[in-house]
Amino acid sequence: MLVEVAYSSFCGVEKRDALANLGICAIELDVSALDPQSFDPEAVRHAVLNDISIRAWLVSIDGISAPIPEPSKPHRIREYLTVVIAQRNVQMKILPWGQIALSYLYGDEVCRIVRNIARRYGGQWDARYKNWRIDGCFMANVESELRSLQDRS
């Protein structure tokens, strides 16, 4: 597996396609938010090991090259699905770097349900945004589970 660390220059289509053709699984870590003027090795270590929002697949495990967003289009979070589970809205959003985020209005039951779904697919809690982050390759699975648990009126 190849790990790319990106600060000011990010992988383009050609490199992703070349890696996919070679069958090399690759991930990119976006460390551009880290301040080089006040370099803190512990902050870098923490970001690389714990911050899933900086990770994006370049070539996934199954050898599929990840799409590259068009530079002319602004990066936006896209609301994808809202379902009601345990009488609470659960939102699934697609993040610009390909992950999905699950957020919900707090309630013990919905918290347990969403946490179990997220953990089943390797999701991690992002305390800054109070949501679960899951790799986008599991989107169809997560969507299916959310729809199956949706409250019936």
C-alpha atoms as a PDB file:
ATOM      1  CA  MET A   1       0.000   0.000   0.000  1.00  0.00           C
ATOM      2  CA  LEU A   2       1.225   3.456  -0.902  1.00  0.00           C
ATOM      3  CA  VAL A   3       0.623   6.365   1.466  1.00  0.00           C
ATOM      4  CA  GLU A   4       0.895   9.843  -0.080  1.00  0.00           C
ATOM      5  CA  VAL A   5       1.303  12.800   2.244  1.00  0.00           C
ATOM      6  CA  ALA A   6       0.051  15.998   0.615  1.00  0.00           C
ATOM      7  CA  TYR A   7       0.677  19.509   1.852  1.00  0.00           C
ATOM      8  CA  SER A   8       0.681  21.806  -1.187  1.00  0.00           C
ATOM      9  CA  SER A   9       0.600  19.362  -4.094  1.00  0.00           C
ATOM     10  CA  PHE A  10      -1.981  16.607  -4.508  1.00  0.00           C
ATOM     11  CA  CYS A  11      -2.168  13.539  -6.759  1.00  0.00           C
ATOM     12  CA  GLY A  12      -3.639  14.045 -10.191  1.00  0.00           C
ATOM     13  CA  VAL A  13      -5.526  11.766 -12.549  1.00  0.00           C
ATOM     14  CA  GLU A  14      -2.398  10.446 -14.264  1.00  0.00           C
ATOM     15  CA  LYS A  15      -0.787   9.242 -11.040  1.00  0.00           C
ATOM     16  CA  ARG A  16      -4.013   7.660  -9.788  1.00  0.00           C
ATOM     17  CA  ASP A  17      -4.508   5.834 -13.077  1.00  0.00           C
ATOM     18  CA  ALA A  18      -0.881   4.654 -13.076  1.00  0.00           C
ATOM     19  CA  LEU A  19      -1.243   3.290  -9.536  1.00  0.00           C
ATOM     20  CA  ALA A  20      -4.526   1.580 -10.449  1.00  0.00           C
ATOM     21  CA  ASN A  21      -2.918   0.023 -13.540  1.00  0.00           C
ATOM     22  CA  LEU A  22      -0.067  -1.301 -11.389  1.00  0.00           C
ATOM     23  CA  GLY A  23      -2.564  -2.671  -8.868  1.00  0.00           C
ATOM     24  CA  ILE A  24      -1.178  -0.539  -6.046  1.00  0.00           C
ATOM     25  CA  CYS A  25      -3.620   0.402  -3.308  1.00  0.00           C
ATOM     26  CA  ALA A  26      -3.039   4.048  -2.307  1.00  0.00           C
ATOM     27  CA  ILE A  27      -4.335   6.573   0.176  1.00  0.00           C
ATOM     28  CA  GLU A  28      -3.607  10.303   0.417  1.00  0.00           C
ATOM     29  CA  LEU A  29      -3.242  12.195   3.705  1.00  0.00           C
ATOM     30  CA  ASP A  30      -4.073  15.899   3.388  1.00  0.00           C
ATOM     31  CA  VAL A  31      -1.913  17.712   5.950  1.00  0.00           C
ATOM     32  CA  SER A  32      -2.371  21.149   4.357  1.00  0.00           C
ATOM     33  CA  ALA A  33      -4.202  22.438   7.445  1.00  0.00           C
ATOM     34  CA  LEU A  34      -1.102  21.943   9.613  1.00  0.00           C
ATOM     35  CA  ASP A  35       0.920  25.112  10.180  1.00  0.00           C
ATOM     36  CA  PRO A  36       4.562  24.786   9.022  1.00  0.00           C
ATOM     37  CA  GLN A  37       5.561  27.887  11.027  1.00  0.00           C
ATOM     38  CA  SER A  38       4.739  26.181  14.316  1.00  0.00           C
ATOM     39  CA  PHE A  39       5.568  22.577  13.387  1.00  0.00           C
ATOM     40  CA  ASP A  40       4.512  20.232  16.154  1.00  0.00           C
ATOM     41  CA  PRO A  41       5.503  16.591  15.564  1.00  0.00           C
ATOM     42  CA  GLU A  42       2.884  15.405  18.063  1.00  0.00           C
ATOM     43  CA  ALA A  43       0.118  17.276  16.207  1.00  0.00           C
ATOM     44  CA  VAL A  44       1.241  15.666  12.943  1.00  0.00           C
ATOM     45  CA  ARG A  45       1.365  12.245  14.568  1.00  0.00           C
ATOM     46  CA  HIS A  46      -2.124  12.712  16.010  1.00  0.00           C
ATOM     47  CA  ALA A  47      -3.547  13.929  12.679  1.00  0.00           C
ATOM     48  CA  VAL A  48      -2.028  11.069  10.685  1.00  0.00           C
ATOM     49  CA  LEU A  49      -3.103   8.362  13.124  1.00  0.00           C
ATOM     50  CA  ASN A  50      -6.470   9.669  14.321  1.00  0.00           C
ATOM     51  CA  ASP A  51      -8.002  12.268  12.001  1.00  0.00           C
ATOM     52  CA  ILE A  52      -9.990  10.354   9.391  1.00  0.00           C
ATOM     53  CA  SER A  53     -11.098  13.568   7.692  1.00  0.00           C
ATOM     54  CA  ILE A  54      -7.599  13.995   6.190  1.00  0.00           C
ATOM     55  CA  ARG A  55      -7.650  10.558   4.522  1.00  0.00           C
ATOM     56  CA  ALA A  56      -8.874   9.835   0.999  1.00  0.00           C
ATOM     57  CA  TRP A  57      -8.492   6.769  -1.194  1.00  0.00           C
ATOM     58  CA  LEU A  58      -6.504   7.345  -4.351  1.00  0.00           C
ATOM     59  CA  VAL A  59      -6.859   3.709  -5.418  1.00  0.00           C
ATOM     60  CA  SER A  60      -9.082   1.528  -3.266  1.00  0.00           C
ATOM     61  CA  ILE A  61      -8.318  -1.993  -2.125  1.00  0.00           C
ATOM     62  CA  ASP A  62     -10.306  -3.414  -5.053  1.00  0.00           C
ATOM     63  CA  GLY A  63      -8.044  -1.505  -7.486  1.00  0.00           C
ATOM     64  CA  ILE A  64     -10.574   1.160  -8.445  1.00  0.00           C
ATOM     65  CA  SER A  65      -9.115   4.617  -9.003  1.00  0.00           C
ATOM     66  CA  ALA A  66     -11.036   7.182  -6.974  1.00  0.00           C
ATOM     67  CA  PRO A  67     -12.641  10.075  -8.854  1.00  0.00           C
ATOM     68  CA  ILE A  68     -10.937  13.452  -8.675  1.00  0.00           C
ATOM     69  CA  PRO A  69     -13.186  16.451  -8.077  1.00  0.00           C
ATOM     70  CA  GLU A  70     -13.129  19.032 -10.859  1.00  0.00           C
ATOM     71  CA  PRO A  71     -10.988  22.006  -9.728  1.00  0.00           C
ATOM     72  CA  SER A  72     -13.523  24.456 -11.132  1.00  0.00           C
ATOM     73  CA  LYS A  73     -16.291  23.059  -8.954  1.00  0.00           C
ATOM     74  CA  PRO A  74     -16.311  24.133  -5.303  1.00  0.00           C
ATOM     75  CA  HIS A  75     -15.972  21.381  -2.728  1.00  0.00           C
ATOM     76  CA  ARG A  76     -19.339  21.018  -1.057  1.00  0.00           C
ATOM     77  CA  ILE A  77     -20.869  18.635   1.371  1.00  0.00           C
ATOM     78  CA  ARG A  78     -23.820  17.015  -0.329  1.00  0.00           C
ATOM     79  CA  GLU A  79     -26.855  15.942   1.662  1.00  0.00           C
ATOM     80  CA  TYR A  80     -27.660  12.505   0.375  1.00  0.00           C
ATOM     81  CA  LEU A  81     -30.280  10.887   2.572  1.00  0.00           C
ATOM     82  CA  THR A  82     -32.415  11.686   5.619  1.00  0.00           C
ATOM     83  CA  VAL A  83     -34.334   8.944   7.403  1.00  0.00           C
ATOM     84  CA  VAL A  84     -36.233   8.836  10.696  1.00  0.00           C
ATOM     85  CA  ILE A  85     -35.005   6.181  13.112  1.00  0.00           C
ATOM     86  CA  ALA A  86     -36.282   5.930  16.690  1.00  0.00           C
ATOM     87  CA  GLN A  87     -38.201   9.162  16.077  1.00  0.00           C
ATOM     88  CA  ARG A  88     -35.008  11.077  15.251  1.00  0.00           C
ATOM     89  CA  ASN A  89     -33.711  12.395  11.925  1.00  0.00           C
ATOM     90  CA  VAL A  90     -30.545  10.656  10.762  1.00  0.00           C
ATOM     91  CA  GLN A  91     -28.682  12.396   7.948  1.00  0.00           C
ATOM     92  CA  MET A  92     -26.187  10.815   5.610  1.00  0.00           C
ATOM     93  CA  LYS A  93     -23.955  13.306   3.802  1.00  0.00           C
ATOM     94  CA  ILE A  94     -21.285  12.821   1.170  1.00  0.00           C
ATOM     95  CA  LEU A  95     -18.115  14.735   2.004  1.00  0.00           C
ATOM     96  CA  PRO A  96     -15.943  16.320  -0.728  1.00  0.00           C
ATOM     97  CA  TRP A  97     -13.130  13.786  -0.201  1.00  0.00           C
ATOM     98  CA  GLY A  98     -15.422  10.758  -0.597  1.00  0.00           C
ATOM     99  CA  GLN A  99     -16.245   9.805   2.972  1.00  0.00           C
ATOM    100  CA  ILE A 100     -19.783   9.744   4.267  1.00  0.00           C
ATOM    101  CA  ALA A 101     -20.901  11.406   7.481  1.00  0.00           C
ATOM    102  CA  LEU A 102     -23.772  10.255   9.659  1.00  0.00           C
ATOM    103  CA  SER A 103     -25.330  12.786  12.004  1.00  0.00           C
ATOM    104  CA  TYR A 104     -28.500  12.725  14.085  1.00  0.00           C
ATOM    105  CA  LEU A 105     -30.432  14.482  16.803  1.00  0.00           C
ATOM    106  CA  TYR A 106     -29.384  12.969  20.104  1.00  0.00           C
ATOM    107  CA  GLY A 107     -31.395  10.141  21.598  1.00  0.00           C
ATOM    108  CA  ASP A 108     -30.094   7.056  23.408  1.00  0.00           C
ATOM    109  CA  GLU A 109     -31.638   4.543  21.009  1.00  0.00           C
ATOM    110  CA  VAL A 110     -30.670   6.310  17.774  1.00  0.00           C
ATOM    111  CA  CYS A 111     -27.193   6.931  19.167  1.00  0.00           C
ATOM    112  CA  ARG A 112     -26.715   3.206  19.785  1.00  0.00           C
ATOM    113  CA  ILE A 113     -28.096   2.249  16.352  1.00  0.00           C
ATOM    114  CA  VAL A 114     -25.972   4.728  14.379  1.00  0.00           C
ATOM    115  CA  ARG A 115     -22.847   3.945  16.430  1.00  0.00           C
ATOM    116  CA  ASN A 116     -23.251   0.212  15.701  1.00  0.00           C
ATOM    117  CA  ILE A 117     -23.676   0.836  11.962  1.00  0.00           C
ATOM    118  CA  ALA A 118     -20.655   3.154  11.865  1.00  0.00           C
ATOM    119  CA  ARG A 119     -18.418   0.755  13.781  1.00  0.00           C
ATOM    120  CA  ARG A 120     -19.454  -2.160  11.571  1.00  0.00           C
ATOM    121  CA  TYR A 121     -17.893  -0.289   8.624  1.00  0.00           C
ATOM    122  CA  GLY A 122     -14.811   1.050  10.409  1.00  0.00           C
ATOM    123  CA  GLY A 123     -16.357   4.456  11.128  1.00  0.00           C
ATOM    124  CA  GLN A 124     -14.873   6.894  13.588  1.00  0.00           C
ATOM    125  CA  TRP A 125     -16.503   9.598  15.667  1.00  0.00           C
ATOM    126  CA  ASP A 126     -15.551  13.177  14.736  1.00  0.00           C
ATOM    127  CA  ALA A 127     -16.144  15.222  17.886  1.00  0.00           C
ATOM    128  CA  ARG A 128     -15.627  18.539  16.061  1.00  0.00           C
ATOM    129  CA  TYR A 129     -18.682  17.995  13.871  1.00  0.00           C
ATOM    130  CA  LYS A 130     -20.503  15.532  16.124  1.00  0.00           C
ATOM    131  CA  ASN A 131     -20.848  12.912  13.411  1.00  0.00           C
ATOM    132  CA  TRP A 132     -19.580   9.502  12.392  1.00  0.00           C
ATOM    133  CA  ARG A 133     -17.195   9.356   9.407  1.00  0.00           C
ATOM    134  CA  ILE A 134     -17.187   6.221   7.243  1.00  0.00           C
ATOM    135  CA  ASP A 135     -15.189   5.420   4.108  1.00  0.00           C
ATOM    136  CA  GLY A 136     -17.313   6.080   1.025  1.00  0.00           C
ATOM    137  CA  CYS A 137     -16.824   2.571  -0.334  1.00  0.00           C
ATOM    138  CA  PHE A 138     -19.418   1.448   2.240  1.00  0.00           C
ATOM    139  CA  MET A 139     -22.056   3.983   1.135  1.00  0.00           C
ATOM    140  CA  ALA A 140     -24.455   1.426  -0.400  1.00  0.00           C
ATOM    141  CA  ASN A 141     -24.255  -0.809   2.699  1.00  0.00           C
ATOM    142  CA  VAL A 142     -24.844   2.067   5.110  1.00  0.00           C
ATOM    143  CA  GLU A 143     -27.702   3.446   3.010  1.00  0.00           C
ATOM    144  CA  SER A 144     -29.351   0.021   2.891  1.00  0.00           C
ATOM    145  CA  GLU A 145     -29.110  -0.393   6.671  1.00  0.00           C
ATOM    146  CA  LEU A 146     -30.476   3.093   7.347  1.00  0.00           C
ATOM    147  CA  ARG A 147     -33.417   2.545   4.992  1.00  0.00           C
ATOM    148  CA  SER A 148     -34.209  -0.839   6.593  1.00  0.00           C
ATOM    149  CA  LEU A 149     -34.300   0.753  10.053  1.00  0.00           C
ATOM    150  CA  GLN A 150     -36.417   3.729   9.011  1.00  0.00           C
ATOM    151  CA  ASP A 151     -39.507   4.292  11.170  1.00  0.00           C
ATOM    152  CA  ARG A 152     -42.706   3.289   9.396  1.00  0.00           C
ATOM    153  CA  SER A 153     -45.622   5.702   9.778  1.00  0.00           C
END
